[in-house]
Each structure stands twice: as structure tokens, then as C-alpha cells.
PDB file of N, CA and C in Angstrom:
ATOM      1  N   UNK A   1      -1.282  34.113 -36.418  1.00  0.00           N
ATOM      2  CA  UNK A   1      -1.924  32.767 -36.852  1.00  0.00           C
ATOM      3  C   UNK A   1      -1.470  31.702 -35.936  1.00  0.00           C
ATOM      4  N   UNK A   2      -2.493  30.870 -35.608  1.00  0.00           N
ATOM      5  CA  UNK A   2      -2.127  29.612 -34.553  1.00  0.00           C
ATOM      6  C   UNK A   2      -1.852  28.407 -35.555  1.00  0.00           C
ATOM      7  N   UNK A   3      -0.822  27.752 -35.587  1.00  0.00           N
ATOM      8  CA  UNK A   3      -0.413  26.921 -36.361  1.00  0.00           C
ATOM      9  C   UNK A   3      -0.299  25.372 -35.509  1.00  0.00           C
ATOM     10  N   UNK A   4      -0.572  25.729 -34.281  1.00  0.00           N
ATOM     11  CA  UNK A   4      -0.498  24.804 -33.298  1.00  0.00           C
ATOM     12  C   UNK A   4      -1.948  24.026 -33.078  1.00  0.00           C
ATOM     13  N   UNK A   5      -2.472  23.471 -34.097  1.00  0.00           N
ATOM     14  CA  UNK A   5      -3.945  23.116 -34.028  1.00  0.00           C
ATOM     15  C   UNK A   5      -3.946  21.585 -33.699  1.00  0.00           C
ATOM     16  N   UNK A   6      -4.835  21.151 -32.677  1.00  0.00           N
ATOM     17  CA  UNK A   6      -4.835  19.716 -32.224  1.00  0.00           C
ATOM     18  C   UNK A   6      -5.185  18.802 -33.261  1.00  0.00           C
ATOM     19  N   UNK A   7      -4.630  17.725 -33.456  1.00  0.00           N
ATOM     20  CA  UNK A   7      -5.122  16.613 -34.230  1.00  0.00           C
ATOM     21  C   UNK A   7      -5.548  15.324 -33.464  1.00  0.00           C
ATOM     22  N   UNK A   8      -6.611  14.665 -33.900  1.00  0.00           N
ATOM     23  CA  UNK A   8      -6.999  13.659 -33.555  1.00  0.00           C
ATOM     24  C   UNK A   8      -6.043  12.526 -33.970  1.00  0.00           C
ATOM     25  N   UNK A   9      -5.253  11.871 -33.160  1.00  0.00           N
ATOM     26  CA  UNK A   9      -4.240  11.007 -33.545  1.00  0.00           C
ATOM     27  C   UNK A   9      -4.669   9.663 -34.217  1.00  0.00           C
ATOM     28  N   UNK A  10      -5.788   9.223 -33.788  1.00  0.00           N
ATOM     29  CA  UNK A  10      -6.400   8.070 -34.414  1.00  0.00           C
ATOM     30  C   UNK A  10      -6.856   8.471 -35.924  1.00  0.00           C
ATOM     31  N   UNK A  11      -7.584   9.587 -36.044  1.00  0.00           N
ATOM     32  CA  UNK A  11      -8.138   9.862 -37.332  1.00  0.00           C
ATOM     33  C   UNK A  11      -6.773  10.090 -38.057  1.00  0.00           C
ATOM     34  N   UNK A  12      -5.762  10.695 -37.859  1.00  0.00           N
ATOM     35  CA  UNK A  12      -4.596  10.919 -38.519  1.00  0.00           C
ATOM     36  C   UNK A  12      -4.059   9.712 -39.023  1.00  0.00           C
ATOM     37  N   UNK A  13      -3.845   8.811 -38.085  1.00  0.00           N
ATOM     38  CA  UNK A  13      -3.207   7.399 -38.374  1.00  0.00           C
ATOM     39  C   UNK A  13      -3.988   6.607 -39.527  1.00  0.00           C
ATOM     40  N   UNK A  14      -5.341   6.784 -39.603  1.00  0.00           N
ATOM     41  CA  UNK A  14      -6.342   6.116 -40.539  1.00  0.00           C
ATOM     42  C   UNK A  14      -6.244   6.864 -41.979  1.00  0.00           C
ATOM     43  N   UNK A  15      -5.981   8.049 -41.929  1.00  0.00           N
ATOM     44  CA  UNK A  15      -5.745   8.790 -43.215  1.00  0.00           C
ATOM     45  C   UNK A  15      -4.413   8.608 -43.873  1.00  0.00           C
ATOM     46  N   UNK A  16      -3.436   8.179 -43.042  1.00  0.00           N
ATOM     47  CA  UNK A  16      -2.083   7.810 -43.629  1.00  0.00           C
ATOM     48  C   UNK A  16      -2.247   6.753 -44.615  1.00  0.00           C
ATOM     49  N   UNK A  17      -1.702   6.855 -45.777  1.00  0.00           N
ATOM     50  CA  UNK A  17      -1.708   5.743 -46.619  1.00  0.00           C
ATOM     51  C   UNK A  17      -0.854   4.549 -46.314  1.00  0.00           C
ATOM     52  N   UNK A  18      -1.195   3.498 -46.348  1.00  0.00           N
ATOM     53  CA  UNK A  18      -0.659   2.367 -45.928  1.00  0.00           C
ATOM     54  C   UNK A  18       0.250   1.862 -47.225  1.00  0.00           C
ATOM     55  N   UNK A  19       1.532   1.404 -46.890  1.00  0.00           N
ATOM     56  CA  UNK A  19       2.417   0.815 -48.018  1.00  0.00           C
ATOM     57  C   UNK A  19       1.736  -0.536 -48.422  1.00  0.00           C
ATOM     58  N   UNK A  20       1.538  -0.870 -49.670  1.00  0.00           N
ATOM     59  CA  UNK A  20       0.901  -2.399 -49.877  1.00  0.00           C
ATOM     60  C   UNK A  20       2.076  -3.191 -49.931  1.00  0.00           C
ATOM     61  N   UNK A  21       1.832  -4.453 -49.651  1.00  0.00           N
ATOM     62  CA  UNK A  21       2.816  -5.475 -49.591  1.00  0.00           C
ATOM     63  C   UNK A  21       2.952  -6.158 -51.028  1.00  0.00           C
ATOM     64  N   UNK A  22       3.835  -6.715 -51.295  1.00  0.00           N
ATOM     65  CA  UNK A  22       4.014  -7.404 -52.554  1.00  0.00           C
ATOM     66  C   UNK A  22       2.927  -8.344 -53.024  1.00  0.00           C
ATOM     67  N   UNK A  23       2.365  -8.908 -52.113  1.00  0.00           N
ATOM     68  CA  UNK A  23       1.141  -9.702 -52.315  1.00  0.00           C
ATOM     69  C   UNK A  23      -0.065  -8.965 -52.745  1.00  0.00           C
ATOM     70  N   UNK A  24      -0.409  -7.865 -52.019  1.00  0.00           N
ATOM     71  CA  UNK A  24      -1.325  -6.971 -52.257  1.00  0.00           C
ATOM     72  C   UNK A  24      -1.267  -6.284 -53.697  1.00  0.00           C
ATOM     73  N   UNK A  25       0.155  -5.888 -53.972  1.00  0.00           N
ATOM     74  CA  UNK A  25       0.175  -5.355 -55.341  1.00  0.00           C
ATOM     75  C   UNK A  25      -0.081  -6.301 -56.482  1.00  0.00           C
ATOM     76  N   UNK A  26       0.319  -7.461 -56.177  1.00  0.00           N
ATOM     77  CA  UNK A  26       0.026  -8.638 -57.307  1.00  0.00           C
ATOM     78  C   UNK A  26      -1.421  -8.767 -57.424  1.00  0.00           C
ATOM     79  N   UNK A  27      -2.248  -8.652 -56.283  1.00  0.00           N
ATOM     80  CA  UNK A  27      -3.533  -8.970 -56.231  1.00  0.00           C
ATOM     81  C   UNK A  27      -4.494  -7.736 -57.095  1.00  0.00           C
ATOM     82  N   UNK A  28      -4.033  -6.708 -56.915  1.00  0.00           N
ATOM     83  CA  UNK A  28      -4.618  -5.438 -57.592  1.00  0.00           C
ATOM     84  C   UNK A  28      -3.975  -5.338 -58.865  1.00  0.00           C
ATOM     85  N   UNK A  29      -3.188  -6.106 -59.317  1.00  0.00           N
ATOM     86  CA  UNK A  29      -2.551  -5.656 -60.759  1.00  0.00           C
ATOM     87  C   UNK A  29      -3.659  -6.264 -61.668  1.00  0.00           C
ATOM     88  N   UNK A  30      -3.451  -5.493 -63.021  1.00  0.00           N
ATOM     89  CA  UNK A  30      -4.330  -5.996 -64.051  1.00  0.00           C
ATOM     90  C   UNK A  30      -3.753  -7.102 -64.717  1.00  0.00           C
ATOM     91  N   UNK A  31      -2.418  -7.349 -64.584  1.00  0.00           N
ATOM     92  CA  UNK A  31      -1.803  -8.461 -65.275  1.00  0.00           C
ATOM     93  C   UNK A  31      -1.945  -9.859 -64.421  1.00  0.00           C
ATOM     94  N   UNK A  32      -2.120 -10.865 -65.265  1.00  0.00           N
ATOM     95  CA  UNK A  32      -2.308 -12.185 -64.505  1.00  0.00           C
ATOM     96  C   UNK A  32      -1.069 -12.552 -63.882  1.00  0.00           C
ATOM     97  N   UNK A  33      -1.150 -13.447 -62.901  1.00  0.00           N
ATOM     98  CA  UNK A  33       0.133 -14.136 -62.356  1.00  0.00           C
ATOM     99  C   UNK A  33       0.361 -15.449 -63.099  1.00  0.00           C
ATOM    100  N   UNK A  34       1.736 -15.441 -63.473  1.00  0.00           N
ATOM    101  CA  UNK A  34       2.108 -16.809 -64.296  1.00  0.00           C
ATOM    102  C   UNK A  34       3.318 -17.337 -63.357  1.00  0.00           C
ATOM    103  N   UNK A  35       3.533 -18.392 -63.569  1.00  0.00           N
ATOM    104  CA  UNK A  35       4.715 -19.093 -62.931  1.00  0.00           C
ATOM    105  C   UNK A  35       5.974 -18.835 -63.863  1.00  0.00           C
ATOM    106  N   UNK A  36       7.169 -18.955 -63.393  1.00  0.00           N
ATOM    107  CA  UNK A  36       8.446 -18.578 -64.233  1.00  0.00           C
ATOM    108  C   UNK A  36       9.119 -20.033 -64.341  1.00  0.00           C
ATOM    109  N   UNK A  37       9.469 -20.388 -65.522  1.00  0.00           N
ATOM    110  CA  UNK A  37      10.188 -21.448 -65.876  1.00  0.00           C
ATOM    111  C   UNK A  37      11.582 -21.100 -65.215  1.00  0.00           C
ATOM    112  N   UNK A  38      12.227 -22.230 -64.761  1.00  0.00           N
ATOM    113  CA  UNK A  38      13.694 -22.064 -64.265  1.00  0.00           C
ATOM    114  C   UNK A  38      14.623 -21.530 -65.165  1.00  0.00           C
ATOM    115  N   UNK A  39      14.480 -21.905 -66.437  1.00  0.00           N
ATOM    116  CA  UNK A  39      15.354 -21.332 -67.547  1.00  0.00           C
ATOM    117  C   UNK A  39      15.239 -19.831 -67.600  1.00  0.00           C
ATOM    118  N   UNK A  40      13.956 -19.390 -67.631  1.00  0.00           N
ATOM    119  CA  UNK A  40      13.786 -17.820 -67.639  1.00  0.00           C
ATOM    120  C   UNK A  40      14.121 -17.315 -66.517  1.00  0.00           C
ATOM    121  N   UNK A  41      14.284 -17.839 -65.351  1.00  0.00           N
ATOM    122  CA  UNK A  41      14.788 -17.105 -64.098  1.00  0.00           C
ATOM    123  C   UNK A  41      16.328 -17.073 -64.083  1.00  0.00           C
ATOM    124  N   UNK A  42      16.970 -18.173 -64.692  1.00  0.00           N
ATOM    125  CA  UNK A  42      18.446 -18.134 -65.044  1.00  0.00           C
ATOM    126  C   UNK A  42      18.741 -17.032 -66.148  1.00  0.00           C
ATOM    127  N   UNK A  43      17.848 -16.768 -67.147  1.00  0.00           N
ATOM    128  CA  UNK A  43      18.294 -15.766 -68.210  1.00  0.00           C
ATOM    129  C   UNK A  43      18.142 -14.414 -67.613  1.00  0.00           C
ATOM    130  N   UNK A  44      17.086 -14.330 -66.861  1.00  0.00           N
ATOM    131  CA  UNK A  44      16.828 -12.955 -66.034  1.00  0.00           C
ATOM    132  C   UNK A  44      18.084 -12.700 -65.201  1.00  0.00           C
ATOM    133  N   UNK A  45      18.673 -13.680 -64.365  1.00  0.00           N
ATOM    134  CA  UNK A  45      19.632 -13.489 -63.575  1.00  0.00           C
ATOM    135  C   UNK A  45      20.909 -13.084 -64.206  1.00  0.00           C
ATOM    136  N   UNK A  46      21.158 -13.832 -65.364  1.00  0.00           N
ATOM    137  CA  UNK A  46      22.287 -13.576 -66.013  1.00  0.00           C
ATOM    138  C   UNK A  46      22.331 -12.207 -66.683  1.00  0.00           C
ATOM    139  N   UNK A  47      21.306 -11.652 -67.180  1.00  0.00           N
ATOM    140  CA  UNK A  47      21.098 -10.397 -67.682  1.00  0.00           C
ATOM    141  C   UNK A  47      21.281  -9.236 -66.525  1.00  0.00           C
ATOM    142  N   UNK A  48      20.797  -9.555 -65.425  1.00  0.00           N
ATOM    143  CA  UNK A  48      21.144  -8.709 -64.203  1.00  0.00           C
ATOM    144  C   UNK A  48      22.531  -8.453 -63.846  1.00  0.00           C
ATOM    145  N   UNK A  49      23.208  -9.802 -63.785  1.00  0.00           N
ATOM    146  CA  UNK A  49      24.651  -9.706 -63.581  1.00  0.00           C
ATOM    147  C   UNK A  49      25.408  -8.925 -64.634  1.00  0.00           C
ATOM    148  N   UNK A  50      25.099  -9.297 -65.895  1.00  0.00           N
ATOM    149  CA  UNK A  50      25.733  -8.731 -66.904  1.00  0.00           C
ATOM    150  C   UNK A  50      25.531  -7.159 -66.877  1.00  0.00           C
ATOM    151  N   UNK A  51      24.479  -6.734 -66.625  1.00  0.00           N
ATOM    152  CA  UNK A  51      24.149  -5.342 -66.395  1.00  0.00           C
ATOM    153  C   UNK A  51      25.013  -4.544 -65.550  1.00  0.00           C
ATOM    154  N   UNK A  52      25.149  -5.332 -64.364  1.00  0.00           N
ATOM    155  CA  UNK A  52      25.944  -4.748 -63.294  1.00  0.00           C
ATOM    156  C   UNK A  52      27.335  -4.767 -63.701  1.00  0.00           C
ATOM    157  N   UNK A  53      27.809  -5.739 -64.436  1.00  0.00           N
ATOM    158  CA  UNK A  53      29.247  -5.780 -64.846  1.00  0.00           C
ATOM    159  C   UNK A  53      29.409  -4.537 -65.867  1.00  0.00           C
ATOM    160  N   UNK A  54      28.659  -4.404 -66.678  1.00  0.00           N
ATOM    161  CA  UNK A  54      28.675  -3.226 -67.504  1.00  0.00           C
ATOM    162  C   UNK A  54      28.751  -1.858 -66.753  1.00  0.00           C
ATOM    163  N   UNK A  55      27.797  -1.762 -65.909  1.00  0.00           N
ATOM    164  CA  UNK A  55      27.778  -0.512 -65.204  1.00  0.00           C
ATOM    165  C   UNK A  55      29.133  -0.316 -64.331  1.00  0.00           C
ATOM    166  N   UNK A  56      29.837  -1.345 -63.886  1.00  0.00           N
ATOM    167  CA  UNK A  56      31.233  -1.375 -63.369  1.00  0.00           C
ATOM    168  C   UNK A  56      32.145  -1.134 -64.315  1.00  0.00           C
ATOM    169  N   UNK A  57      31.887  -0.950 -65.720  1.00  0.00           N
ATOM    170  CA  UNK A  57      32.628  -0.675 -66.666  1.00  0.00           C
ATOM    171  C   UNK A  57      33.784  -1.728 -66.918  1.00  0.00           C
ATOM    172  N   UNK A  58      33.231  -3.093 -66.747  1.00  0.00           N
ATOM    173  CA  UNK A  58      34.152  -4.161 -67.018  1.00  0.00           C
ATOM    174  C   UNK A  58      33.927  -4.377 -68.639  1.00  0.00           C
ATOM    175  N   UNK A  59      34.867  -4.935 -69.111  1.00  0.00           N
ATOM    176  CA  UNK A  59      34.880  -5.252 -70.753  1.00  0.00           C
ATOM    177  C   UNK A  59      34.094  -6.578 -70.728  1.00  0.00           C
ATOM    178  N   UNK A  60      33.260  -6.912 -71.778  1.00  0.00           N
ATOM    179  CA  UNK A  60      32.755  -8.162 -72.016  1.00  0.00           C
ATOM    180  C   UNK A  60      33.719  -9.325 -72.136  1.00  0.00           C
ATOM    181  N   UNK A  61      34.950  -8.987 -72.769  1.00  0.00           N
ATOM    182  CA  UNK A  61      36.033  -9.991 -72.900  1.00  0.00           C
ATOM    183  C   UNK A  61      36.384 -10.704 -71.421  1.00  0.00           C
ATOM    184  N   UNK A  62      36.290  -9.692 -70.514  1.00  0.00           N
ATOM    185  CA  UNK A  62      36.677 -10.006 -69.090  1.00  0.00           C
ATOM    186  C   UNK A  62      35.639 -10.704 -68.269  1.00  0.00           C
ATOM    187  N   UNK A  63      34.330 -10.236 -68.427  1.00  0.00           N
ATOM    188  CA  UNK A  63      33.423 -10.859 -67.466  1.00  0.00           C
ATOM    189  C   UNK A  63      32.482 -11.965 -68.052  1.00  0.00           C
ATOM    190  N   UNK A  64      32.448 -11.990 -69.418  1.00  0.00           N
ATOM    191  CA  UNK A  64      31.541 -13.228 -70.032  1.00  0.00           C
ATOM    192  C   UNK A  64      32.385 -14.667 -69.807  1.00  0.00           C
ATOM    193  N   UNK A  65      33.589 -14.752 -69.843  1.00  0.00           N
ATOM    194  CA  UNK A  65      34.071 -16.122 -69.396  1.00  0.00           C
ATOM    195  C   UNK A  65      33.768 -16.788 -68.176  1.00  0.00           C
ATOM    196  N   UNK A  66      33.599 -15.777 -67.104  1.00  0.00           N
ATOM    197  CA  UNK A  66      33.076 -16.226 -65.847  1.00  0.00           C
ATOM    198  C   UNK A  66      31.580 -16.783 -65.888  1.00  0.00           C
ATOM    199  N   UNK A  67      30.844 -16.591 -66.898  1.00  0.00           N
ATOM    200  CA  UNK A  67      29.608 -17.287 -67.064  1.00  0.00           C
ATOM    201  C   UNK A  67      29.668 -18.310 -68.106  1.00  0.00           C
ATOM    202  N   UNK A  68      30.821 -18.721 -68.541  1.00  0.00           N
ATOM    203  CA  UNK A  68      30.889 -19.860 -69.583  1.00  0.00           C
ATOM    204  C   UNK A  68      30.632 -19.537 -70.987  1.00  0.00           C
ATOM    205  N   UNK A  69      30.748 -18.244 -71.243  1.00  0.00           N
ATOM    206  CA  UNK A  69      30.452 -17.696 -72.537  1.00  0.00           C
ATOM    207  C   UNK A  69      31.917 -17.072 -73.118  1.00  0.00           C
ATOM    208  N   UNK A  70      32.373 -17.549 -74.266  1.00  0.00           N
ATOM    209  CA  UNK A  70      33.425 -16.905 -74.870  1.00  0.00           C
ATOM    210  C   UNK A  70      33.336 -15.429 -75.237  1.00  0.00           C
ATOM    211  N   UNK A  71      34.328 -14.736 -74.552  1.00  0.00           N
ATOM    212  CA  UNK A  71      34.044 -13.143 -74.726  1.00  0.00           C
ATOM    213  C   UNK A  71      34.653 -12.582 -75.953  1.00  0.00           C
ATOM    214  N   UNK A  72      34.795 -13.555 -76.952  1.00  0.00           N
ATOM    215  CA  UNK A  72      35.560 -12.816 -78.205  1.00  0.00           C
ATOM    216  C   UNK A  72      34.512 -12.744 -79.230  1.00  0.00           C
ATOM    217  N   UNK A  73      34.932 -11.744 -80.253  1.00  0.00           N
ATOM    218  CA  UNK A  73      34.039 -11.416 -81.337  1.00  0.00           C
ATOM    219  C   UNK A  73      34.291 -12.526 -82.426  1.00  0.00           C
ATOM    220  N   UNK A  74      33.290 -12.496 -83.219  1.00  0.00           N
ATOM    221  CA  UNK A  74      33.445 -13.602 -84.603  1.00  0.00           C
ATOM    222  C   UNK A  74      34.703 -13.239 -85.341  1.00  0.00           C
ATOM    223  N   UNK A  75      35.211 -12.249 -85.532  1.00  0.00           N
ATOM    224  CA  UNK A  75      36.312 -11.649 -86.146  1.00  0.00           C
ATOM    225  C   UNK A  75      37.528 -12.205 -85.481  1.00  0.00           C
ATOM    226  N   UNK A  76      37.556 -12.242 -84.284  1.00  0.00           N
ATOM    227  CA  UNK A  76      38.761 -12.589 -83.506  1.00  0.00           C
ATOM    228  C   UNK A  76      38.778 -14.168 -83.490  1.00  0.00           C
ATOM    229  N   UNK A  77      37.598 -14.747 -83.316  1.00  0.00           N
ATOM    230  CA  UNK A  77      37.537 -16.389 -83.450  1.00  0.00           C
ATOM    231  C   UNK A  77      38.067 -16.660 -84.940  1.00  0.00           C
ATOM    232  N   UNK A  78      37.648 -16.174 -85.947  1.00  0.00           N
ATOM    233  CA  UNK A  78      37.952 -16.436 -87.255  1.00  0.00           C
ATOM    234  C   UNK A  78      39.331 -16.111 -87.562  1.00  0.00           C
ATOM    235  N   UNK A  79      39.970 -15.045 -87.036  1.00  0.00           N
ATOM    236  CA  UNK A  79      41.455 -14.702 -87.276  1.00  0.00           C
ATOM    237  C   UNK A  79      42.299 -16.014 -86.456  1.00  0.00           C
ATOM    238  N   UNK A  80      41.955 -16.294 -85.366  1.00  0.00           N
ATOM    239  CA  UNK A  80      42.539 -17.367 -84.557  1.00  0.00           C
ATOM    240  C   UNK A  80      42.423 -18.668 -85.355  1.00  0.00           C
ATOM    241  N   UNK A  81      41.450 -19.053 -86.002  1.00  0.00           N
ATOM    242  CA  UNK A  81      41.300 -20.310 -86.637  1.00  0.00           C
ATOM    243  C   UNK A  81      42.167 -20.207 -88.194  1.00  0.00           C
ATOM    244  N   UNK A  82      42.216 -18.985 -88.654  1.00  0.00           N
ATOM    245  CA  UNK A  82      43.153 -18.930 -89.768  1.00  0.00           C
ATOM    246  C   UNK A  82      44.589 -18.940 -89.161  1.00  0.00           C
ATOM    247  N   UNK A  83      44.918 -18.296 -88.151  1.00  0.00           N
ATOM    248  CA  UNK A  83      46.171 -18.428 -87.775  1.00  0.00           C
ATOM    249  C   UNK A  83      46.794 -19.901 -87.557  1.00  0.00           C
ATOM    250  N   UNK A  84      45.620 -20.583 -86.879  1.00  0.00           N
ATOM    251  CA  UNK A  84      46.069 -22.095 -86.700  1.00  0.00           C
ATOM    252  C   UNK A  84      46.248 -22.806 -87.797  1.00  0.00           C
ATOM    253  N   UNK A  85      45.538 -22.474 -88.880  1.00  0.00           N
ATOM    254  CA  UNK A  85      45.682 -23.121 -90.321  1.00  0.00           C
ATOM    255  C   UNK A  85      46.755 -22.648 -91.076  1.00  0.00           C
ATOM    256  N   UNK A  86      47.563 -21.603 -90.508  1.00  0.00           N
ATOM    257  CA  UNK A  86      48.633 -21.174 -91.206  1.00  0.00           C
ATOM    258  C   UNK A  86      48.517 -20.509 -92.470  1.00  0.00           C
ATOM    259  N   UNK A  87      47.421 -19.806 -92.784  1.00  0.00           N
ATOM    260  CA  UNK A  87      46.904 -19.113 -93.912  1.00  0.00           C
ATOM    261  C   UNK A  87      46.786 -17.781 -93.474  1.00  0.00           C
ATOM    262  N   UNK A  88      47.887 -16.931 -92.772  1.00  0.00           N
ATOM    263  CA  UNK A  88      47.620 -15.613 -92.331  1.00  0.00           C
ATOM    264  C   UNK A  88      47.703 -14.719 -93.330  1.00  0.00           C
ATOM    265  N   UNK A  89      48.492 -14.832 -94.569  1.00  0.00           N
ATOM    266  CA  UNK A  89      48.497 -13.932 -95.378  1.00  0.00           C
ATOM    267  C   UNK A  89      47.409 -13.552 -96.422  1.00  0.00           C
ATOM    268  N   UNK A  90      46.774 -14.445 -96.578  1.00  0.00           N
ATOM    269  CA  UNK A  90      45.566 -14.251 -97.492  1.00  0.00           C
ATOM    270  C   UNK A  90      44.245 -14.514 -96.756  1.00  0.00           C
ATOM    271  N   UNK A  91      43.807 -13.358 -96.183  1.00  0.00           N
ATOM    272  CA  UNK A  91      42.499 -13.290 -95.642  1.00  0.00           C
ATOM    273  C   UNK A  91      41.328 -13.000 -96.685  1.00  0.00           C
ATOM    274  N   UNK A  92      40.153 -13.606 -96.676  1.00  0.00           N
ATOM    275  CA  UNK A  92      39.177 -13.246 -97.686  1.00  0.00           C
ATOM    276  C   UNK A  92      38.596 -12.014 -97.270  1.00  0.00           C
ATOM    277  N   UNK A  93      38.285 -11.233 -98.166  1.00  0.00           N
ATOM    278  CA  UNK A  93      37.543  -9.973 -98.098  1.00  0.00           C
ATOM    279  C   UNK A  93      36.299  -9.883 -97.509  1.00  0.00           C
ATOM    280  N   UNK A  94      35.757  -9.117 -96.835  1.00  0.00           N
ATOM    281  CA  UNK A  94      34.608  -8.965 -96.199  1.00  0.00           C
ATOM    282  C   UNK A  94      33.622  -8.280 -97.079  1.00  0.00           C
ATOM    283  N   UNK A  95      33.913  -7.483 -98.256  1.00  0.00           N
ATOM    284  CA  UNK A  95      33.106  -6.815 -98.877  1.00  0.00           C
ATOM    285  C   UNK A  95      33.160  -7.018-100.470  1.00  0.00           C
ATOM    286  N   UNK A  96      32.226  -6.591-101.106  1.00  0.00           N
ATOM    287  CA  UNK A  96      32.068  -6.974-102.612  1.00  0.00           C
ATOM    288  C   UNK A  96      32.965  -5.946-103.386  1.00  0.00           C
ATOM    289  N   UNK A  97      33.099  -4.778-102.793  1.00  0.00           N
ATOM    290  CA  UNK A  97      34.009  -3.658-103.556  1.00  0.00           C
ATOM    291  C   UNK A  97      35.533  -4.206-103.698  1.00  0.00           C
ATOM    292  N   UNK A  98      35.919  -4.842-102.370  1.00  0.00           N
ATOM    293  CA  UNK A  98      37.272  -5.221-102.472  1.00  0.00           C
ATOM    294  C   UNK A  98      37.328  -6.477-103.545  1.00  0.00           C
ATOM    295  N   UNK A  99      36.518  -7.198-103.828  1.00  0.00           N
ATOM    296  CA  UNK A  99      36.429  -8.332-104.616  1.00  0.00           C
ATOM    297  C   UNK A  99      36.626  -7.673-106.114  1.00  0.00           C
ATOM    298  N   UNK A 100      35.647  -6.659-106.279  1.00  0.00           N
ATOM    299  CA  UNK A 100      35.756  -6.054-107.760  1.00  0.00           C
ATOM    300  C   UNK A 100      37.156  -5.301-107.884  1.00  0.00           C
ATOM    301  N   UNK A 101      37.530  -4.763-106.954  1.00  0.00           N
ATOM    302  CA  UNK A 101      38.874  -4.093-107.238  1.00  0.00           C
ATOM    303  C   UNK A 101      39.968  -5.014-107.563  1.00  0.00           C
ATOM    304  N   UNK A 102      39.950  -6.237-106.686  1.00  0.00           N
ATOM    305  CA  UNK A 102      40.975  -7.090-107.078  1.00  0.00           C
ATOM    306  C   UNK A 102      40.762  -7.735-108.574  1.00  0.00           C
ATOM    307  N   UNK A 103      39.722  -7.980-108.915  1.00  0.00           N
ATOM    308  CA  UNK A 103      39.214  -8.441-110.312  1.00  0.00           C
ATOM    309  C   UNK A 103      39.783  -7.297-111.205  1.00  0.00           C
ATOM    310  N   UNK A 104      39.624  -6.169-111.114  1.00  0.00           N
ATOM    311  CA  UNK A 104      39.912  -5.070-112.143  1.00  0.00           C
ATOM    312  C   UNK A 104      41.420  -5.081-112.070  1.00  0.00           C
ATOM    313  N   UNK A 105      42.229  -5.143-110.802  1.00  0.00           N
ATOM    314  CA  UNK A 105      43.757  -5.164-110.887  1.00  0.00           C
ATOM    315  C   UNK A 105      44.222  -6.497-111.719  1.00  0.00           C
ATOM    316  N   UNK A 106      43.445  -7.571-111.592  1.00  0.00           N
ATOM    317  CA  UNK A 106      44.016  -8.739-112.479  1.00  0.00           C
ATOM    318  C   UNK A 106      43.596  -8.665-113.944  1.00  0.00           C
ATOM    319  N   UNK A 107      42.765  -7.941-114.387  1.00  0.00           N
ATOM    320  CA  UNK A 107      42.580  -7.663-115.709  1.00  0.00           C
ATOM    321  C   UNK A 107      43.577  -6.874-116.396  1.00  0.00           C
ATOM    322  N   UNK A 108      44.111  -5.959-115.634  1.00  0.00           N
ATOM    323  CA  UNK A 108      44.955  -5.007-116.211  1.00  0.00           C
ATOM    324  C   UNK A 108      46.367  -5.615-116.544  1.00  0.00           C
TER     325      UNK A 108
END
């Protein structure tokens, strides 16, 4: 079997699918083109950078302060505020069951 078949080079180049440029892809898209507000661009860039930090297995407590965001949880912030107030022994309970159990103990 002869696999060495001559090919017309010009015809072969015409049949090759050309890669579309970004402009051509936008023009052929079914979605309309809209402008992006600067705030939206900033949010998307932050999201992209945070995703990269998470992929690098960084902890949010470590990388969020670089972006001006406190990397602590609400529980950590609350505990710090209570420590500053000096009321470290009596933290309010977070569930109704604990409140009911405390009331039952007081009744006995």
C-alpha cells in the first residue's frame, strides 16, 4: 500500500482550521459585549489571587491581611474583645440547649 500520496500544499493550508483571535471569538459569541466597571475588575482580580493562594495551600489567616482584610473568624474577634474587657470567665452560650441546662441546674 502506498502511503506516500502527493498533496496539493495550497489546498491543504486552506483546509486547516485557523485559530480565532479574541476579537473574532467575541464577535461570533451569542452573548452581548458589555463594559466592566473598575470595581468589578478589582473583585475578579482579588478572587483570582485568593484562589491562587488557596491552591498554594496558604491559610486565609496568612494571606487575607495582605489584601487589607482581617483574616480572623468572628469567634476569634469576639474572644479578643471579651479578653480586652476582662470578662474571660463567663462567655455567653451559643446554643439554646446550654441555656436550658443552666436554668434547670439553677432550679434544683
